[in-house]
Every structure is written in structure tokens, then in C-alpha cells.
Amino acid sequence: MLTEVHPKLPMRNKAVTKEFYITKLGFRQYGNLEYEGYLMLEKDNISIHFFEYKNLVPEENYGQAYIRTGDIDGLYTFFLDKKVAIHPNGQLALKPWGQKEFSILDPDYNLLTFGQQL
């Protein structure tokens, strides 16, 4: 039986990725070990892993993760307060499939969509 999923997304620069997710999104580093070219971050009940891909062209990156939340409005406000740019095509909205969602891009253009079932 499946119990969890931990997406692995590409990153060009570990320090930049770590700074963005910790400072802007409120994540923290998972564990106390450092791995060269690899980063594990967590927030609440989720974790995201990142692998180094120095030649990544951000505009050609199709990395994506869909993250469910129990408080979409609070998370949206938190990100706005932290000056996180909301994707121009991903403003907070109620979708026809019954989810309230919004999206952001990280520094490597990994698309993170946050949603709550209503």
C-alpha cells in the first residue's frame, strides 16, 4: 500500500534553492546530513527532494509538484506576505474540478501548484 510521495525536482544551485524554500516558503532542511548535489526539504507533512542539474535551462524545465493543503487561503496570504511571486496564469481561483488552487515558480522554474478540495 502506498503511504507517501516525495517528488524529486531539478535545481541548478543548491544554495539558491535552499534559500528560496526556507526563507520564502517556510520549509526546513530534512535531517542533519549534507549531500553533495542533493537537497531534502520539508514543511508540515511533506518533503521535496532536489537533485543538482547545473545545465538546466529554467525556461525548458517541466518539473512540477501538486501539493494539497488544508488552508489554501492562509497559505496564499503567507506567500504574498513573503513577497513570493504568484504565477501569472496561476492566481488563486476555484477550479471546475472542485479545487481552489494557485501556482508559483521556484528559481529553477519548477511549477508548484497548491490546492485544497472544497
PDB file of N, CA and C in Angstrom:
ATOM      1  N   MET A   1       0.847  -1.174   0.000  1.00  0.00           N
ATOM      2  CA  MET A   1       0.000   0.000   0.000  1.00  0.00           C
ATOM      3  C   MET A   1       0.894   1.238   0.000  1.00  0.00           C
ATOM      4  N   LEU A   2       0.525   2.232  -0.788  1.00  0.00           N
ATOM      5  CA  LEU A   2       1.284   3.479  -0.864  1.00  0.00           C
ATOM      6  C   LEU A   2       0.979   4.365   0.344  1.00  0.00           C
ATOM      7  N   THR A   3       1.993   5.017   0.860  1.00  0.00           N
ATOM      8  CA  THR A   3       1.759   5.876   2.025  1.00  0.00           C
ATOM      9  C   THR A   3       2.250   7.311   1.837  1.00  0.00           C
ATOM     10  N   GLU A   4       3.262   7.536   1.007  1.00  0.00           N
ATOM     11  CA  GLU A   4       3.803   8.884   0.824  1.00  0.00           C
ATOM     12  C   GLU A   4       4.405   9.008  -0.563  1.00  0.00           C
ATOM     13  N   VAL A   5       4.600  10.247  -0.990  1.00  0.00           N
ATOM     14  CA  VAL A   5       5.339  10.512  -2.210  1.00  0.00           C
ATOM     15  C   VAL A   5       6.249  11.708  -1.943  1.00  0.00           C
ATOM     16  N   HIS A   6       7.468  11.620  -2.454  1.00  0.00           N
ATOM     17  CA  HIS A   6       8.442  12.693  -2.272  1.00  0.00           C
ATOM     18  C   HIS A   6       8.968  13.079  -3.650  1.00  0.00           C
ATOM     19  N   PRO A   7       8.420  14.134  -4.243  1.00  0.00           N
ATOM     20  CA  PRO A   7       8.892  14.500  -5.580  1.00  0.00           C
ATOM     21  C   PRO A   7      10.364  14.882  -5.568  1.00  0.00           C
ATOM     22  N   LYS A   8      11.023  14.583  -6.687  1.00  0.00           N
ATOM     23  CA  LYS A   8      12.419  14.968  -6.894  1.00  0.00           C
ATOM     24  C   LYS A   8      12.430  15.971  -8.037  1.00  0.00           C
ATOM     25  N   LEU A   9      12.921  17.158  -7.765  1.00  0.00           N
ATOM     26  CA  LEU A   9      12.925  18.232  -8.750  1.00  0.00           C
ATOM     27  C   LEU A   9      14.348  18.681  -9.038  1.00  0.00           C
ATOM     28  N   PRO A  10      14.604  19.155 -10.243  1.00  0.00           N
ATOM     29  CA  PRO A  10      15.952  19.621 -10.575  1.00  0.00           C
ATOM     30  C   PRO A  10      16.250  20.989  -9.973  1.00  0.00           C
ATOM     31  N   MET A  11      17.524  21.212  -9.677  1.00  0.00           N
ATOM     32  CA  MET A  11      17.995  22.522  -9.197  1.00  0.00           C
ATOM     33  C   MET A  11      19.348  22.803  -9.829  1.00  0.00           C
ATOM     34  N   ARG A  12      19.599  24.069 -10.112  1.00  0.00           N
ATOM     35  CA  ARG A  12      20.904  24.443 -10.651  1.00  0.00           C
ATOM     36  C   ARG A  12      21.895  24.751  -9.543  1.00  0.00           C
ATOM     37  N   ASN A  13      21.416  25.354  -8.469  1.00  0.00           N
ATOM     38  CA  ASN A  13      22.297  25.829  -7.411  1.00  0.00           C
ATOM     39  C   ASN A  13      21.655  25.502  -6.067  1.00  0.00           C
ATOM     40  N   LYS A  14      22.298  24.623  -5.327  1.00  0.00           N
ATOM     41  CA  LYS A  14      21.754  24.157  -4.050  1.00  0.00           C
ATOM     42  C   LYS A  14      21.514  25.311  -3.071  1.00  0.00           C
ATOM     43  N   ALA A  15      22.453  26.244  -2.967  1.00  0.00           N
ATOM     44  CA  ALA A  15      22.317  27.356  -2.022  1.00  0.00           C
ATOM     45  C   ALA A  15      21.115  28.237  -2.367  1.00  0.00           C
ATOM     46  N   VAL A  16      20.913  28.494  -3.643  1.00  0.00           N
ATOM     47  CA  VAL A  16      19.782  29.336  -4.077  1.00  0.00           C
ATOM     48  C   VAL A  16      18.459  28.628  -3.796  1.00  0.00           C
ATOM     49  N   THR A  17      18.383  27.353  -4.133  1.00  0.00           N
ATOM     50  CA  THR A  17      17.160  26.578  -3.886  1.00  0.00           C
ATOM     51  C   THR A  17      16.851  26.525  -2.395  1.00  0.00           C
ATOM     52  N   LYS A  18      17.859  26.218  -1.609  1.00  0.00           N
ATOM     53  CA  LYS A  18      17.689  26.128  -0.155  1.00  0.00           C
ATOM     54  C   LYS A  18      17.204  27.457   0.418  1.00  0.00           C
ATOM     55  N   GLU A  19      17.814  28.539   0.010  1.00  0.00           N
ATOM     56  CA  GLU A  19      17.438  29.878   0.500  1.00  0.00           C
ATOM     57  C   GLU A  19      15.984  30.204   0.146  1.00  0.00           C
ATOM     58  N   PHE A  20      15.577  29.947  -1.090  1.00  0.00           N
ATOM     59  CA  PHE A  20      14.214  30.251  -1.529  1.00  0.00           C
ATOM     60  C   PHE A  20      13.186  29.461  -0.729  1.00  0.00           C
ATOM     61  N   TYR A  21      13.386  28.156  -0.639  1.00  0.00           N
ATOM     62  CA  TYR A  21      12.391  27.311   0.029  1.00  0.00           C
ATOM     63  C   TYR A  21      12.337  27.573   1.535  1.00  0.00           C
ATOM     64  N   ILE A  22      13.464  27.847   2.150  1.00  0.00           N
ATOM     65  CA  ILE A  22      13.467  28.088   3.592  1.00  0.00           C
ATOM     66  C   ILE A  22      12.981  29.501   3.914  1.00  0.00           C
ATOM     67  N   THR A  23      13.551  30.499   3.262  1.00  0.00           N
ATOM     68  CA  THR A  23      13.223  31.893   3.574  1.00  0.00           C
ATOM     69  C   THR A  23      11.851  32.308   3.071  1.00  0.00           C
ATOM     70  N   LYS A  24      11.534  31.950   1.846  1.00  0.00           N
ATOM     71  CA  LYS A  24      10.277  32.402   1.233  1.00  0.00           C
ATOM     72  C   LYS A  24       9.097  31.481   1.512  1.00  0.00           C
ATOM     73  N   LEU A  25       9.322  30.167   1.456  1.00  0.00           N
ATOM     74  CA  LEU A  25       8.197  29.236   1.552  1.00  0.00           C
ATOM     75  C   LEU A  25       8.026  28.595   2.925  1.00  0.00           C
ATOM     76  N   GLY A  26       9.002  28.787   3.819  1.00  0.00           N
ATOM     77  CA  GLY A  26       8.865  28.270   5.174  1.00  0.00           C
ATOM     78  C   GLY A  26       9.240  26.814   5.357  1.00  0.00           C
ATOM     79  N   PHE A  27      10.010  26.247   4.435  1.00  0.00           N
ATOM     80  CA  PHE A  27      10.490  24.874   4.586  1.00  0.00           C
ATOM     81  C   PHE A  27      11.683  24.858   5.540  1.00  0.00           C
ATOM     82  N   ARG A  28      12.109  23.674   5.912  1.00  0.00           N
ATOM     83  CA  ARG A  28      13.339  23.500   6.680  1.00  0.00           C
ATOM     84  C   ARG A  28      14.071  22.305   6.097  1.00  0.00           C
ATOM     85  N   GLN A  29      15.370  22.256   6.353  1.00  0.00           N
ATOM     86  CA  GLN A  29      16.162  21.152   5.834  1.00  0.00           C
ATOM     87  C   GLN A  29      15.787  19.875   6.560  1.00  0.00           C
ATOM     88  N   TYR A  30      15.668  18.796   5.803  1.00  0.00           N
ATOM     89  CA  TYR A  30      15.322  17.495   6.353  1.00  0.00           C
ATOM     90  C   TYR A  30      16.604  16.792   6.771  1.00  0.00           C
ATOM     91  N   GLY A  31      16.670  16.391   8.004  1.00  0.00           N
ATOM     92  CA  GLY A  31      17.851  15.700   8.503  1.00  0.00           C
ATOM     93  C   GLY A  31      18.994  16.664   8.766  1.00  0.00           C
ATOM     94  N   ASN A  32      20.112  16.123   9.202  1.00  0.00           N
ATOM     95  CA  ASN A  32      21.249  16.976   9.534  1.00  0.00           C
ATOM     96  C   ASN A  32      22.485  16.633   8.709  1.00  0.00           C
ATOM     97  N   LEU A  33      22.312  15.844   7.658  1.00  0.00           N
ATOM     98  CA  LEU A  33      23.434  15.491   6.795  1.00  0.00           C
ATOM     99  C   LEU A  33      23.384  16.290   5.509  1.00  0.00           C
ATOM    100  N   GLU A  34      24.535  16.685   5.028  1.00  0.00           N
ATOM    101  CA  GLU A  34      24.654  17.385   3.750  1.00  0.00           C
ATOM    102  C   GLU A  34      25.102  16.382   2.698  1.00  0.00           C
ATOM    103  N   TYR A  35      24.443  16.400   1.565  1.00  0.00           N
ATOM    104  CA  TYR A  35      24.815  15.545   0.448  1.00  0.00           C
ATOM    105  C   TYR A  35      25.191  16.431  -0.729  1.00  0.00           C
ATOM    106  N   GLU A  36      26.306  16.151  -1.330  1.00  0.00           N
ATOM    107  CA  GLU A  36      26.735  16.933  -2.474  1.00  0.00           C
ATOM    108  C   GLU A  36      25.744  16.745  -3.622  1.00  0.00           C
ATOM    109  N   GLY A  37      25.249  17.866  -4.144  1.00  0.00           N
ATOM    110  CA  GLY A  37      24.354  17.802  -5.291  1.00  0.00           C
ATOM    111  C   GLY A  37      22.955  17.315  -4.983  1.00  0.00           C
ATOM    112  N   TYR A  38      22.588  17.233  -3.714  1.00  0.00           N
ATOM    113  CA  TYR A  38      21.264  16.733  -3.342  1.00  0.00           C
ATOM    114  C   TYR A  38      20.772  17.503  -2.135  1.00  0.00           C
ATOM    115  N   LEU A  39      19.463  17.778  -2.106  1.00  0.00           N
ATOM    116  CA  LEU A  39      18.865  18.566  -1.030  1.00  0.00           C
ATOM    117  C   LEU A  39      17.498  17.992  -0.691  1.00  0.00           C
ATOM    118  N   MET A  40      17.216  17.867   0.606  1.00  0.00           N
ATOM    119  CA  MET A  40      15.911  17.400   1.065  1.00  0.00           C
ATOM    120  C   MET A  40      15.335  18.459   2.000  1.00  0.00           C
ATOM    121  N   LEU A  41      14.128  18.910   1.681  1.00  0.00           N
ATOM    122  CA  LEU A  41      13.464  19.928   2.482  1.00  0.00           C
ATOM    123  C   LEU A  41      12.085  19.437   2.877  1.00  0.00           C
ATOM    124  N   GLU A  42      11.580  19.958   4.005  1.00  0.00           N
ATOM    125  CA  GLU A  42      10.254  19.554   4.465  1.00  0.00           C
ATOM    126  C   GLU A  42       9.506  20.726   5.067  1.00  0.00           C
ATOM    127  N   LYS A  43       8.204  20.607   5.017  1.00  0.00           N
ATOM    128  CA  LYS A  43       7.313  21.575   5.653  1.00  0.00           C
ATOM    129  C   LYS A  43       6.049  20.814   6.023  1.00  0.00           C
ATOM    130  N   ASP A  44       5.644  20.944   7.256  1.00  0.00           N
ATOM    131  CA  ASP A  44       4.468  20.235   7.749  1.00  0.00           C
ATOM    132  C   ASP A  44       4.622  18.739   7.464  1.00  0.00           C
ATOM    133  N   ASN A  45       3.741  18.168   6.639  1.00  0.00           N
ATOM    134  CA  ASN A  45       3.762  16.723   6.390  1.00  0.00           C
ATOM    135  C   ASN A  45       4.314  16.344   5.024  1.00  0.00           C
ATOM    136  N   ILE A  46       4.993  17.257   4.357  1.00  0.00           N
ATOM    137  CA  ILE A  46       5.522  16.919   3.040  1.00  0.00           C
ATOM    138  C   ILE A  46       7.020  17.157   2.977  1.00  0.00           C
ATOM    139  N   SER A  47       7.660  16.484   2.044  1.00  0.00           N
ATOM    140  CA  SER A  47       9.068  16.764   1.765  1.00  0.00           C
ATOM    141  C   SER A  47       9.264  16.781   0.256  1.00  0.00           C
ATOM    142  N   ILE A  48      10.208  17.585  -0.165  1.00  0.00           N
ATOM    143  CA  ILE A  48      10.589  17.672  -1.565  1.00  0.00           C
ATOM    144  C   ILE A  48      12.093  17.445  -1.626  1.00  0.00           C
ATOM    145  N   HIS A  49      12.517  16.626  -2.569  1.00  0.00           N
ATOM    146  CA  HIS A  49      13.932  16.371  -2.784  1.00  0.00           C
ATOM    147  C   HIS A  49      14.359  17.093  -4.059  1.00  0.00           C
ATOM    148  N   PHE A  50      15.606  17.521  -4.088  1.00  0.00           N
ATOM    149  CA  PHE A  50      16.152  18.220  -5.241  1.00  0.00           C
ATOM    150  C   PHE A  50      17.470  17.575  -5.628  1.00  0.00           C
ATOM    151  N   PHE A  51      17.680  17.428  -6.927  1.00  0.00           N
ATOM    152  CA  PHE A  51      18.941  16.902  -7.440  1.00  0.00           C
ATOM    153  C   PHE A  51      19.595  17.983  -8.293  1.00  0.00           C
ATOM    154  N   GLU A  52      20.913  18.028  -8.227  1.00  0.00           N
ATOM    155  CA  GLU A  52      21.658  19.041  -8.962  1.00  0.00           C
ATOM    156  C   GLU A  52      21.651  18.736 -10.458  1.00  0.00           C
ATOM    157  N   TYR A  53      21.317  19.762 -11.229  1.00  0.00           N
ATOM    158  CA  TYR A  53      21.334  19.694 -12.680  1.00  0.00           C
ATOM    159  C   TYR A  53      21.826  21.051 -13.155  1.00  0.00           C
ATOM    160  N   LYS A  54      23.137  21.211 -13.162  1.00  0.00           N
ATOM    161  CA  LYS A  54      23.760  22.513 -13.421  1.00  0.00           C
ATOM    162  C   LYS A  54      23.451  23.067 -14.803  1.00  0.00           C
ATOM    163  N   ASN A  55      23.203  22.219 -15.781  1.00  0.00           N
ATOM    164  CA  ASN A  55      22.935  22.679 -17.144  1.00  0.00           C
ATOM    165  C   ASN A  55      21.455  22.892 -17.428  1.00  0.00           C
ATOM    166  N   LEU A  56      20.642  22.860 -16.406  1.00  0.00           N
ATOM    167  CA  LEU A  56      19.209  23.072 -16.572  1.00  0.00           C
ATOM    168  C   LEU A  56      18.941  24.452 -17.167  1.00  0.00           C
ATOM    169  N   VAL A  57      18.107  24.508 -18.167  1.00  0.00           N
ATOM    170  CA  VAL A  57      17.627  25.771 -18.728  1.00  0.00           C
ATOM    171  C   VAL A  57      16.245  25.995 -18.108  1.00  0.00           C
ATOM    172  N   PRO A  58      16.116  26.954 -17.184  1.00  0.00           N
ATOM    173  CA  PRO A  58      14.851  27.112 -16.458  1.00  0.00           C
ATOM    174  C   PRO A  58      13.620  27.196 -17.362  1.00  0.00           C
ATOM    175  N   GLU A  59      13.720  27.916 -18.466  1.00  0.00           N
ATOM    176  CA  GLU A  59      12.564  28.074 -19.357  1.00  0.00           C
ATOM    177  C   GLU A  59      12.182  26.769 -20.060  1.00  0.00           C
ATOM    178  N   GLU A  60      13.035  25.763 -19.978  1.00  0.00           N
ATOM    179  CA  GLU A  60      12.737  24.460 -20.581  1.00  0.00           C
ATOM    180  C   GLU A  60      12.450  23.389 -19.522  1.00  0.00           C
ATOM    181  N   ASN A  61      12.330  23.802 -18.272  1.00  0.00           N
ATOM    182  CA  ASN A  61      12.092  22.865 -17.176  1.00  0.00           C
ATOM    183  C   ASN A  61      10.603  22.554 -17.055  1.00  0.00           C
ATOM    184  N   TYR A  62      10.289  21.276 -17.011  1.00  0.00           N
ATOM    185  CA  TYR A  62       8.903  20.851 -16.843  1.00  0.00           C
ATOM    186  C   TYR A  62       8.659  20.209 -15.480  1.00  0.00           C
ATOM    187  N   GLY A  63       9.587  20.449 -14.506  1.00  0.00           N
ATOM    188  CA  GLY A  63       9.409  19.911 -13.164  1.00  0.00           C
ATOM    189  C   GLY A  63       8.164  20.500 -12.516  1.00  0.00           C
ATOM    190  N   GLN A  64       7.358  19.628 -11.917  1.00  0.00           N
ATOM    191  CA  GLN A  64       6.110  20.075 -11.296  1.00  0.00           C
ATOM    192  C   GLN A  64       5.794  19.240 -10.067  1.00  0.00           C
ATOM    193  N   ALA A  65       5.112  19.854  -9.123  1.00  0.00           N
ATOM    194  CA  ALA A  65       4.569  19.132  -7.969  1.00  0.00           C
ATOM    195  C   ALA A  65       3.227  19.755  -7.615  1.00  0.00           C
ATOM    196  N   TYR A  66       2.266  18.913  -7.288  1.00  0.00           N
ATOM    197  CA  TYR A  66       0.951  19.369  -6.829  1.00  0.00           C
ATOM    198  C   TYR A  66       0.889  19.064  -5.338  1.00  0.00           C
ATOM    199  N   ILE A  67       0.667  20.098  -4.549  1.00  0.00           N
ATOM    200  CA  ILE A  67       0.711  19.960  -3.094  1.00  0.00           C
ATOM    201  C   ILE A  67      -0.647  20.338  -2.520  1.00  0.00           C
ATOM    202  N   ARG A  68      -1.252  19.427  -1.808  1.00  0.00           N
ATOM    203  CA  ARG A  68      -2.551  19.704  -1.178  1.00  0.00           C
ATOM    204  C   ARG A  68      -2.341  20.382   0.173  1.00  0.00           C
ATOM    205  N   THR A  69      -3.276  21.242   0.505  1.00  0.00           N
ATOM    206  CA  THR A  69      -3.233  21.952   1.775  1.00  0.00           C
ATOM    207  C   THR A  69      -4.627  21.979   2.393  1.00  0.00           C
ATOM    208  N   GLY A  70      -4.679  22.158   3.695  1.00  0.00           N
ATOM    209  CA  GLY A  70      -5.953  22.286   4.389  1.00  0.00           C
ATOM    210  C   GLY A  70      -6.340  23.737   4.605  1.00  0.00           C
ATOM    211  N   ASP A  71      -5.484  24.673   4.194  1.00  0.00           N
ATOM    212  CA  ASP A  71      -5.754  26.100   4.381  1.00  0.00           C
ATOM    213  C   ASP A  71      -5.173  26.895   3.208  1.00  0.00           C
ATOM    214  N   ILE A  72      -5.811  26.783   2.062  1.00  0.00           N
ATOM    215  CA  ILE A  72      -5.309  27.425   0.851  1.00  0.00           C
ATOM    216  C   ILE A  72      -5.265  28.942   0.983  1.00  0.00           C
ATOM    217  N   ASP A  73      -6.262  29.532   1.623  1.00  0.00           N
ATOM    218  CA  ASP A  73      -6.288  30.990   1.775  1.00  0.00           C
ATOM    219  C   ASP A  73      -5.159  31.473   2.684  1.00  0.00           C
ATOM    220  N   GLY A  74      -4.921  30.751   3.776  1.00  0.00           N
ATOM    221  CA  GLY A  74      -3.842  31.119   4.693  1.00  0.00           C
ATOM    222  C   GLY A  74      -2.478  30.970   4.043  1.00  0.00           C
ATOM    223  N   LEU A  75      -2.289  29.902   3.264  1.00  0.00           N
ATOM    224  CA  LEU A  75      -1.015  29.685   2.583  1.00  0.00           C
ATOM    225  C   LEU A  75      -0.780  30.760   1.528  1.00  0.00           C
ATOM    226  N   TYR A  76      -1.807  31.097   0.785  1.00  0.00           N
ATOM    227  CA  TYR A  76      -1.712  32.142  -0.236  1.00  0.00           C
ATOM    228  C   TYR A  76      -1.306  33.473   0.410  1.00  0.00           C
ATOM    229  N   THR A  77      -1.959  33.821   1.513  1.00  0.00           N
ATOM    230  CA  THR A  77      -1.632  35.062   2.227  1.00  0.00           C
ATOM    231  C   THR A  77      -0.204  35.023   2.757  1.00  0.00           C
ATOM    232  N   PHE A  78       0.216  33.877   3.296  1.00  0.00           N
ATOM    233  CA  PHE A  78       1.588  33.719   3.792  1.00  0.00           C
ATOM    234  C   PHE A  78       2.590  33.993   2.676  1.00  0.00           C
ATOM    235  N   PHE A  79       2.360  33.408   1.505  1.00  0.00           N
ATOM    236  CA  PHE A  79       3.276  33.613   0.376  1.00  0.00           C
ATOM    237  C   PHE A  79       3.273  35.065  -0.081  1.00  0.00           C
ATOM    238  N   LEU A  80       2.108  35.682  -0.134  1.00  0.00           N
ATOM    239  CA  LEU A  80       2.055  37.099  -0.517  1.00  0.00           C
ATOM    240  C   LEU A  80       2.819  37.963   0.479  1.00  0.00           C
ATOM    241  N   ASP A  81       2.668  37.676   1.765  1.00  0.00           N
ATOM    242  CA  ASP A  81       3.401  38.427   2.800  1.00  0.00           C
ATOM    243  C   ASP A  81       4.906  38.257   2.653  1.00  0.00           C
ATOM    244  N   LYS A  82       5.345  37.092   2.163  1.00  0.00           N
ATOM    245  CA  LYS A  82       6.773  36.817   1.950  1.00  0.00           C
ATOM    246  C   LYS A  82       7.257  37.303   0.587  1.00  0.00           C
ATOM    247  N   LYS A  83       6.368  37.963  -0.155  1.00  0.00           N
ATOM    248  CA  LYS A  83       6.695  38.508  -1.488  1.00  0.00           C
ATOM    249  C   LYS A  83       7.053  37.407  -2.497  1.00  0.00           C
ATOM    250  N   VAL A  84       6.391  36.256  -2.367  1.00  0.00           N
ATOM    251  CA  VAL A  84       6.559  35.172  -3.333  1.00  0.00           C
ATOM    252  C   VAL A  84       5.703  35.517  -4.550  1.00  0.00           C
ATOM    253  N   ALA A  85       6.310  35.485  -5.723  1.00  0.00           N
ATOM    254  CA  ALA A  85       5.576  35.799  -6.948  1.00  0.00           C
ATOM    255  C   ALA A  85       4.620  34.662  -7.294  1.00  0.00           C
ATOM    256  N   ILE A  86       3.360  35.003  -7.486  1.00  0.00           N
ATOM    257  CA  ILE A  86       2.358  34.038  -7.920  1.00  0.00           C
ATOM    258  C   ILE A  86       2.450  33.939  -9.442  1.00  0.00           C
ATOM    259  N   HIS A  87       2.366  32.726  -9.969  1.00  0.00           N
ATOM    260  CA  HIS A  87       2.460  32.530 -11.418  1.00  0.00           C
ATOM    261  C   HIS A  87       1.350  33.350 -12.096  1.00  0.00           C
ATOM    262  N   PRO A  88       1.682  34.053 -13.187  1.00  0.00           N
ATOM    263  CA  PRO A  88       0.668  34.890 -13.849  1.00  0.00           C
ATOM    264  C   PRO A  88      -0.568  34.117 -14.296  1.00  0.00           C
ATOM    265  N   ASN A  89      -0.409  32.835 -14.615  1.00  0.00           N
ATOM    266  CA  ASN A  89      -1.549  32.004 -15.001  1.00  0.00           C
ATOM    267  C   ASN A  89      -2.041  31.134 -13.847  1.00  0.00           C
ATOM    268  N   GLY A  90      -1.572  31.429 -12.638  1.00  0.00           N
ATOM    269  CA  GLY A  90      -1.910  30.574 -11.504  1.00  0.00           C
ATOM    270  C   GLY A  90      -2.408  31.326 -10.297  1.00  0.00           C
ATOM    271  N   GLN A  91      -3.165  32.396 -10.524  1.00  0.00           N
ATOM    272  CA  GLN A  91      -3.731  33.138  -9.404  1.00  0.00           C
ATOM    273  C   GLN A  91      -4.715  32.252  -8.628  1.00  0.00           C
ATOM    274  N   LEU A  92      -4.922  32.570  -7.375  1.00  0.00           N
ATOM    275  CA  LEU A  92      -5.843  31.810  -6.532  1.00  0.00           C
ATOM    276  C   LEU A  92      -7.234  31.821  -7.166  1.00  0.00           C
ATOM    277  N   ALA A  93      -7.766  30.624  -7.410  1.00  0.00           N
ATOM    278  CA  ALA A  93      -9.073  30.519  -8.066  1.00  0.00           C
ATOM    279  C   ALA A  93      -9.709  29.173  -7.755  1.00  0.00           C
ATOM    280  N   LEU A  94     -11.021  29.160  -7.800  1.00  0.00           N
ATOM    281  CA  LEU A  94     -11.785  27.917  -7.675  1.00  0.00           C
ATOM    282  C   LEU A  94     -11.850  27.282  -9.056  1.00  0.00           C
ATOM    283  N   LYS A  95     -11.419  26.045  -9.156  1.00  0.00           N
ATOM    284  CA  LYS A  95     -11.358  25.337 -10.433  1.00  0.00           C
ATOM    285  C   LYS A  95     -12.605  24.485 -10.628  1.00  0.00           C
ATOM    286  N   PRO A  96     -12.954  24.192 -11.887  1.00  0.00           N
ATOM    287  CA  PRO A  96     -14.161  23.398 -12.164  1.00  0.00           C
ATOM    288  C   PRO A  96     -14.118  21.996 -11.554  1.00  0.00           C
ATOM    289  N   TRP A  97     -12.932  21.498 -11.229  1.00  0.00           N
ATOM    290  CA  TRP A  97     -12.815  20.150 -10.668  1.00  0.00           C
ATOM    291  C   TRP A  97     -12.925  20.144  -9.142  1.00  0.00           C
ATOM    292  N   GLY A  98     -13.358  21.273  -8.551  1.00  0.00           N
ATOM    293  CA  GLY A  98     -13.639  21.320  -7.121  1.00  0.00           C
ATOM    294  C   GLY A  98     -12.456  21.643  -6.239  1.00  0.00           C
ATOM    295  N   GLN A  99     -11.386  22.136  -6.815  1.00  0.00           N
ATOM    296  CA  GLN A  99     -10.204  22.518  -6.046  1.00  0.00           C
ATOM    297  C   GLN A  99     -10.047  24.040  -6.100  1.00  0.00           C
ATOM    298  N   LYS A 100      -9.609  24.619  -5.017  1.00  0.00           N
ATOM    299  CA  LYS A 100      -9.178  26.010  -5.003  1.00  0.00           C
ATOM    300  C   LYS A 100      -7.661  25.952  -5.062  1.00  0.00           C
ATOM    301  N   GLU A 101      -7.055  26.622  -6.054  1.00  0.00           N
ATOM    302  CA  GLU A 101      -5.640  26.446  -6.331  1.00  0.00           C
ATOM    303  C   GLU A 101      -4.938  27.757  -6.647  1.00  0.00           C
ATOM    304  N   PHE A 102      -3.607  27.716  -6.494  1.00  0.00           N
ATOM    305  CA  PHE A 102      -2.727  28.743  -7.042  1.00  0.00           C
ATOM    306  C   PHE A 102      -1.370  28.098  -7.307  1.00  0.00           C
ATOM    307  N   SER A 103      -0.550  28.774  -8.111  1.00  0.00           N
ATOM    308  CA  SER A 103       0.743  28.217  -8.507  1.00  0.00           C
ATOM    309  C   SER A 103       1.852  29.249  -8.408  1.00  0.00           C
ATOM    310  N   ILE A 104       3.064  28.739  -8.170  1.00  0.00           N
ATOM    311  CA  ILE A 104       4.268  29.569  -8.163  1.00  0.00           C
ATOM    312  C   ILE A 104       5.363  28.841  -8.943  1.00  0.00           C
ATOM    313  N   LEU A 105       6.388  29.585  -9.311  1.00  0.00           N
ATOM    314  CA  LEU A 105       7.585  29.002  -9.898  1.00  0.00           C
ATOM    315  C   LEU A 105       8.739  29.217  -8.930  1.00  0.00           C
ATOM    316  N   ASP A 106       9.558  28.182  -8.729  1.00  0.00           N
ATOM    317  CA  ASP A 106      10.749  28.367  -7.909  1.00  0.00           C
ATOM    318  C   ASP A 106      11.871  28.941  -8.787  1.00  0.00           C
ATOM    319  N   PRO A 107      13.052  29.196  -8.252  1.00  0.00           N
ATOM    320  CA  PRO A 107      14.119  29.814  -9.052  1.00  0.00           C
ATOM    321  C   PRO A 107      14.535  29.022 -10.297  1.00  0.00           C
ATOM    322  N   ASP A 108      14.232  27.725 -10.330  1.00  0.00           N
ATOM    323  CA  ASP A 108      14.567  26.903 -11.493  1.00  0.00           C
ATOM    324  C   ASP A 108      13.356  26.615 -12.362  1.00  0.00           C
ATOM    325  N   TYR A 109      12.272  27.311 -12.102  1.00  0.00           N
ATOM    326  CA  TYR A 109      11.011  27.194 -12.848  1.00  0.00           C
ATOM    327  C   TYR A 109      10.314  25.854 -12.626  1.00  0.00           C
ATOM    328  N   ASN A 110      10.568  25.221 -11.487  1.00  0.00           N
ATOM    329  CA  ASN A 110       9.728  24.101 -11.095  1.00  0.00           C
ATOM    330  C   ASN A 110       8.382  24.692 -10.716  1.00  0.00           C
ATOM    331  N   LEU A 111       7.315  24.164 -11.283  1.00  0.00           N
ATOM    332  CA  LEU A 111       5.974  24.663 -11.021  1.00  0.00           C
ATOM    333  C   LEU A 111       5.408  23.965  -9.790  1.00  0.00           C
ATOM    334  N   LEU A 112       5.070  24.746  -8.776  1.00  0.00           N
ATOM    335  CA  LEU A 112       4.427  24.219  -7.574  1.00  0.00           C
ATOM    336  C   LEU A 112       2.993  24.716  -7.563  1.00  0.00           C
ATOM    337  N   THR A 113       2.058  23.794  -7.597  1.00  0.00           N
ATOM    338  CA  THR A 113       0.643  24.143  -7.517  1.00  0.00           C
ATOM    339  C   THR A 113       0.123  23.669  -6.176  1.00  0.00           C
ATOM    340  N   PHE A 114      -0.544  24.565  -5.486  1.00  0.00           N
ATOM    341  CA  PHE A 114      -1.109  24.272  -4.169  1.00  0.00           C
ATOM    342  C   PHE A 114      -2.631  24.234  -4.317  1.00  0.00           C
ATOM    343  N   GLY A 115      -3.257  23.218  -3.728  1.00  0.00           N
ATOM    344  CA  GLY A 115      -4.704  23.088  -3.879  1.00  0.00           C
ATOM    345  C   GLY A 115      -5.382  22.561  -2.637  1.00  0.00           C
ATOM    346  N   GLN A 116      -6.633  22.951  -2.514  1.00  0.00           N
ATOM    347  CA  GLN A 116      -7.490  22.473  -1.426  1.00  0.00           C
ATOM    348  C   GLN A 116      -8.828  22.079  -2.005  1.00  0.00           C
ATOM    349  N   GLN A 117      -9.282  20.875  -1.658  1.00  0.00           N
ATOM    350  CA  GLN A 117     -10.603  20.435  -2.108  1.00  0.00           C
ATOM    351  C   GLN A 117     -11.657  21.152  -1.299  1.00  0.00           C
ATOM    352  N   LEU A 118     -12.647  21.667  -1.992  1.00  0.00           N
ATOM    353  CA  LEU A 118     -13.735  22.378  -1.289  1.00  0.00           C
ATOM    354  C   LEU A 118     -15.003  21.569  -1.311  1.00  0.00           C
TER     355      LEU A 118
END
